[in-house]
Amino acid sequence: MTVLTQLAVLYEFNVLNFKAAMLFQGAPNIGGLLMASEDKVWPTGLTLEEAEEVHSYLIDGTRVFGVISLLAHILVAVSTPWLG
């Protein structure tokens, strides 16, 4: 198989998987086109409230990571003799 053939097969496989996932989530299939539910956020299938909750956890985790990394950088700067 050539690279282009492999990419075409991979693309078709991903499209079919997406359609199957949408059907599994209960999205209506109107005229062969998959329509997302009105209360779901594409492409996750979460409602707006669920997406906001996940986003708040992501932001909180990023803040904790930032504080820990800032503390680690300060400790390294203080403990290394070549920085002063």
N, C-alpha and C. Protein backbone atom coordinates (compact mmCIF):
# COMPACT_ATOMS: atom_id res chain seq x y z
N MET A 1 0.84 -1.18 0.00
CA MET A 1 0.00 0.00 0.00
C MET A 1 0.88 1.24 0.00
N THR A 2 0.45 2.21 -0.76
CA THR A 2 1.18 3.46 -0.74
C THR A 2 0.76 4.28 0.48
N VAL A 3 1.49 5.31 0.74
CA VAL A 3 1.19 6.16 1.90
C VAL A 3 -0.17 6.83 1.72
N LEU A 4 -0.48 7.29 0.51
CA LEU A 4 -1.77 7.93 0.27
C LEU A 4 -2.93 6.96 0.46
N THR A 5 -2.75 5.72 0.05
CA THR A 5 -3.79 4.71 0.24
C THR A 5 -3.99 4.45 1.73
N GLN A 6 -2.90 4.36 2.47
CA GLN A 6 -3.01 4.13 3.91
C GLN A 6 -3.71 5.29 4.59
N LEU A 7 -3.40 6.53 4.18
CA LEU A 7 -4.06 7.70 4.77
C LEU A 7 -5.54 7.71 4.43
N ALA A 8 -5.90 7.33 3.21
CA ALA A 8 -7.31 7.29 2.82
C ALA A 8 -8.06 6.24 3.63
N VAL A 9 -7.46 5.09 3.83
CA VAL A 9 -8.10 4.04 4.63
C VAL A 9 -8.25 4.50 6.08
N LEU A 10 -7.22 5.12 6.62
CA LEU A 10 -7.27 5.62 7.99
C LEU A 10 -8.34 6.68 8.15
N TYR A 11 -8.44 7.59 7.17
CA TYR A 11 -9.46 8.63 7.22
C TYR A 11 -10.86 8.02 7.20
N GLU A 12 -11.09 7.09 6.30
CA GLU A 12 -12.40 6.44 6.21
C GLU A 12 -12.73 5.69 7.50
N PHE A 13 -11.73 5.03 8.09
CA PHE A 13 -11.93 4.32 9.34
C PHE A 13 -12.34 5.29 10.45
N ASN A 14 -11.67 6.46 10.52
CA ASN A 14 -11.99 7.44 11.54
C ASN A 14 -13.38 8.02 11.34
N VAL A 15 -13.77 8.27 10.10
CA VAL A 15 -15.11 8.78 9.82
C VAL A 15 -16.16 7.77 10.26
N LEU A 16 -15.94 6.50 9.93
CA LEU A 16 -16.90 5.47 10.32
C LEU A 16 -16.97 5.33 11.84
N ASN A 17 -15.83 5.41 12.52
CA ASN A 17 -15.83 5.34 13.98
C ASN A 17 -16.58 6.51 14.59
N PHE A 18 -16.41 7.71 14.01
CA PHE A 18 -17.12 8.88 14.52
C PHE A 18 -18.62 8.71 14.36
N LYS A 19 -19.04 8.24 13.18
CA LYS A 19 -20.48 8.04 12.96
C LYS A 19 -21.04 6.99 13.90
N ALA A 20 -20.28 5.93 14.12
CA ALA A 20 -20.74 4.89 15.04
C ALA A 20 -20.83 5.42 16.46
N ALA A 21 -19.86 6.23 16.86
CA ALA A 21 -19.88 6.80 18.20
C ALA A 21 -21.07 7.74 18.37
N MET A 22 -21.37 8.53 17.35
CA MET A 22 -22.51 9.44 17.42
C MET A 22 -23.81 8.66 17.52
N LEU A 23 -23.93 7.58 16.75
CA LEU A 23 -25.13 6.76 16.83
C LEU A 23 -25.25 6.09 18.18
N PHE A 24 -24.12 5.66 18.73
CA PHE A 24 -24.12 5.01 20.03
C PHE A 24 -24.56 5.98 21.12
N GLN A 25 -24.19 7.26 20.97
CA GLN A 25 -24.58 8.27 21.95
C GLN A 25 -26.03 8.69 21.80
N GLY A 26 -26.68 8.21 20.77
CA GLY A 26 -28.10 8.51 20.61
C GLY A 26 -28.38 9.72 19.74
N ALA A 27 -27.43 10.15 18.92
CA ALA A 27 -27.68 11.27 18.03
C ALA A 27 -28.63 10.84 16.93
N PRO A 28 -29.63 11.65 16.62
CA PRO A 28 -30.56 11.27 15.57
C PRO A 28 -29.89 11.28 14.20
N ASN A 29 -30.26 10.33 13.38
CA ASN A 29 -29.72 10.20 12.03
C ASN A 29 -30.81 10.62 11.06
N ILE A 30 -30.75 11.87 10.58
CA ILE A 30 -31.79 12.42 9.70
C ILE A 30 -31.24 12.47 8.28
N GLY A 31 -31.83 11.70 7.40
CA GLY A 31 -31.42 11.72 6.00
C GLY A 31 -29.98 11.31 5.79
N GLY A 32 -29.45 10.46 6.64
CA GLY A 32 -28.08 10.02 6.50
C GLY A 32 -27.08 10.95 7.15
N LEU A 33 -27.53 12.13 7.62
CA LEU A 33 -26.64 13.06 8.30
C LEU A 33 -26.84 12.93 9.80
N LEU A 34 -25.75 12.86 10.52
CA LEU A 34 -25.86 12.75 11.97
C LEU A 34 -26.05 14.13 12.57
N MET A 35 -27.08 14.27 13.34
CA MET A 35 -27.36 15.55 13.97
C MET A 35 -27.08 15.40 15.47
N ALA A 36 -26.33 16.35 16.01
CA ALA A 36 -26.03 16.32 17.44
C ALA A 36 -27.28 16.70 18.21
N SER A 37 -27.38 16.18 19.40
CA SER A 37 -28.49 16.52 20.27
C SER A 37 -28.38 17.99 20.67
N GLU A 38 -29.50 18.62 20.93
CA GLU A 38 -29.52 20.04 21.25
C GLU A 38 -28.79 20.37 22.55
N ASP A 39 -28.83 19.46 23.53
CA ASP A 39 -28.22 19.75 24.83
C ASP A 39 -26.80 19.21 24.97
N LYS A 40 -26.23 18.68 23.91
CA LYS A 40 -24.88 18.12 23.95
C LYS A 40 -23.90 19.05 23.26
N VAL A 41 -22.66 19.06 23.77
CA VAL A 41 -21.60 19.86 23.18
C VAL A 41 -20.77 18.95 22.29
N TRP A 42 -20.59 19.34 21.03
CA TRP A 42 -19.80 18.53 20.10
C TRP A 42 -18.34 18.74 20.40
N PRO A 43 -17.42 17.82 20.30
CA PRO A 43 -17.54 16.42 19.93
C PRO A 43 -17.57 15.50 21.14
N THR A 44 -17.61 16.06 22.36
CA THR A 44 -17.49 15.21 23.55
C THR A 44 -18.76 14.49 23.91
N GLY A 45 -19.90 15.05 23.57
CA GLY A 45 -21.16 14.45 23.95
C GLY A 45 -21.58 14.83 25.36
N LEU A 46 -20.87 15.78 25.97
CA LEU A 46 -21.23 16.26 27.30
C LEU A 46 -22.24 17.39 27.19
N THR A 47 -23.03 17.55 28.23
CA THR A 47 -23.89 18.73 28.27
C THR A 47 -23.02 19.93 28.61
N LEU A 48 -23.59 21.12 28.47
CA LEU A 48 -22.83 22.33 28.75
C LEU A 48 -22.39 22.38 30.21
N GLU A 49 -23.25 21.96 31.12
CA GLU A 49 -22.90 21.95 32.54
C GLU A 49 -21.77 20.97 32.83
N GLU A 50 -21.83 19.78 32.22
CA GLU A 50 -20.76 18.79 32.40
C GLU A 50 -19.44 19.28 31.83
N ALA A 51 -19.50 19.93 30.68
CA ALA A 51 -18.28 20.45 30.06
C ALA A 51 -17.67 21.55 30.93
N GLU A 52 -18.50 22.41 31.51
CA GLU A 52 -17.98 23.46 32.39
C GLU A 52 -17.37 22.87 33.65
N GLU A 53 -17.95 21.79 34.17
CA GLU A 53 -17.40 21.15 35.35
C GLU A 53 -16.04 20.53 35.06
N VAL A 54 -15.92 19.84 33.93
CA VAL A 54 -14.64 19.25 33.55
C VAL A 54 -13.61 20.36 33.33
N HIS A 55 -14.03 21.46 32.71
CA HIS A 55 -13.12 22.58 32.46
C HIS A 55 -12.63 23.18 33.77
N SER A 56 -13.51 23.29 34.77
CA SER A 56 -13.08 23.85 36.06
C SER A 56 -12.05 22.93 36.73
N TYR A 57 -12.22 21.62 36.60
CA TYR A 57 -11.23 20.69 37.16
C TYR A 57 -9.90 20.82 36.42
N LEU A 58 -9.95 21.01 35.12
CA LEU A 58 -8.73 21.18 34.33
C LEU A 58 -7.99 22.45 34.74
N ILE A 59 -8.72 23.53 34.93
CA ILE A 59 -8.11 24.80 35.35
C ILE A 59 -7.51 24.66 36.74
N ASP A 60 -8.24 24.03 37.66
CA ASP A 60 -7.72 23.84 39.02
C ASP A 60 -6.45 22.99 39.01
N GLY A 61 -6.44 21.93 38.22
CA GLY A 61 -5.25 21.08 38.12
C GLY A 61 -4.07 21.83 37.53
N THR A 62 -4.33 22.69 36.55
CA THR A 62 -3.27 23.49 35.95
C THR A 62 -2.69 24.46 36.97
N ARG A 63 -3.53 25.05 37.78
CA ARG A 63 -3.06 25.98 38.83
C ARG A 63 -2.19 25.25 39.86
N VAL A 64 -2.62 24.07 40.28
CA VAL A 64 -1.84 23.29 41.25
C VAL A 64 -0.49 22.92 40.64
N PHE A 65 -0.49 22.48 39.39
CA PHE A 65 0.76 22.14 38.71
C PHE A 65 1.67 23.36 38.63
N GLY A 66 1.10 24.53 38.32
CA GLY A 66 1.89 25.75 38.22
C GLY A 66 2.53 26.13 39.54
N VAL A 67 1.78 26.00 40.63
CA VAL A 67 2.33 26.33 41.96
C VAL A 67 3.46 25.36 42.32
N ILE A 68 3.25 24.08 42.08
CA ILE A 68 4.28 23.09 42.39
C ILE A 68 5.53 23.34 41.55
N SER A 69 5.36 23.61 40.27
CA SER A 69 6.52 23.85 39.41
C SER A 69 7.23 25.15 39.78
N LEU A 70 6.49 26.18 40.16
CA LEU A 70 7.11 27.43 40.60
C LEU A 70 7.93 27.20 41.87
N LEU A 71 7.36 26.46 42.80
CA LEU A 71 8.08 26.13 44.04
C LEU A 71 9.34 25.32 43.74
N ALA A 72 9.25 24.36 42.85
CA ALA A 72 10.42 23.55 42.48
C ALA A 72 11.50 24.42 41.84
N HIS A 73 11.11 25.34 40.98
CA HIS A 73 12.10 26.22 40.34
C HIS A 73 12.76 27.15 41.36
N ILE A 74 12.00 27.63 42.30
CA ILE A 74 12.58 28.49 43.34
C ILE A 74 13.57 27.69 44.19
N LEU A 75 13.20 26.48 44.57
CA LEU A 75 14.10 25.65 45.37
C LEU A 75 15.39 25.33 44.62
N VAL A 76 15.29 25.06 43.33
CA VAL A 76 16.49 24.78 42.53
C VAL A 76 17.35 26.02 42.43
N ALA A 77 16.74 27.19 42.23
CA ALA A 77 17.50 28.43 42.10
C ALA A 77 18.23 28.76 43.39
N VAL A 78 17.60 28.49 44.54
CA VAL A 78 18.23 28.79 45.82
C VAL A 78 19.34 27.78 46.13
N SER A 79 19.15 26.53 45.74
CA SER A 79 20.10 25.49 46.14
C SER A 79 21.30 25.34 45.21
N THR A 80 21.26 25.91 44.01
CA THR A 80 22.38 25.74 43.10
C THR A 80 23.37 26.88 43.26
N PRO A 81 24.64 26.55 43.40
CA PRO A 81 25.64 27.61 43.65
C PRO A 81 25.94 28.45 42.42
N TRP A 82 25.70 27.97 41.22
CA TRP A 82 26.07 28.71 40.04
C TRP A 82 25.11 29.86 39.72
N LEU A 83 23.96 29.90 40.40
CA LEU A 83 23.01 31.00 40.16
C LEU A 83 23.25 32.19 41.11
N GLY A 84 24.15 32.06 42.02
CA GLY A 84 24.42 33.22 42.84
C GLY A 84 24.42 32.91 44.27
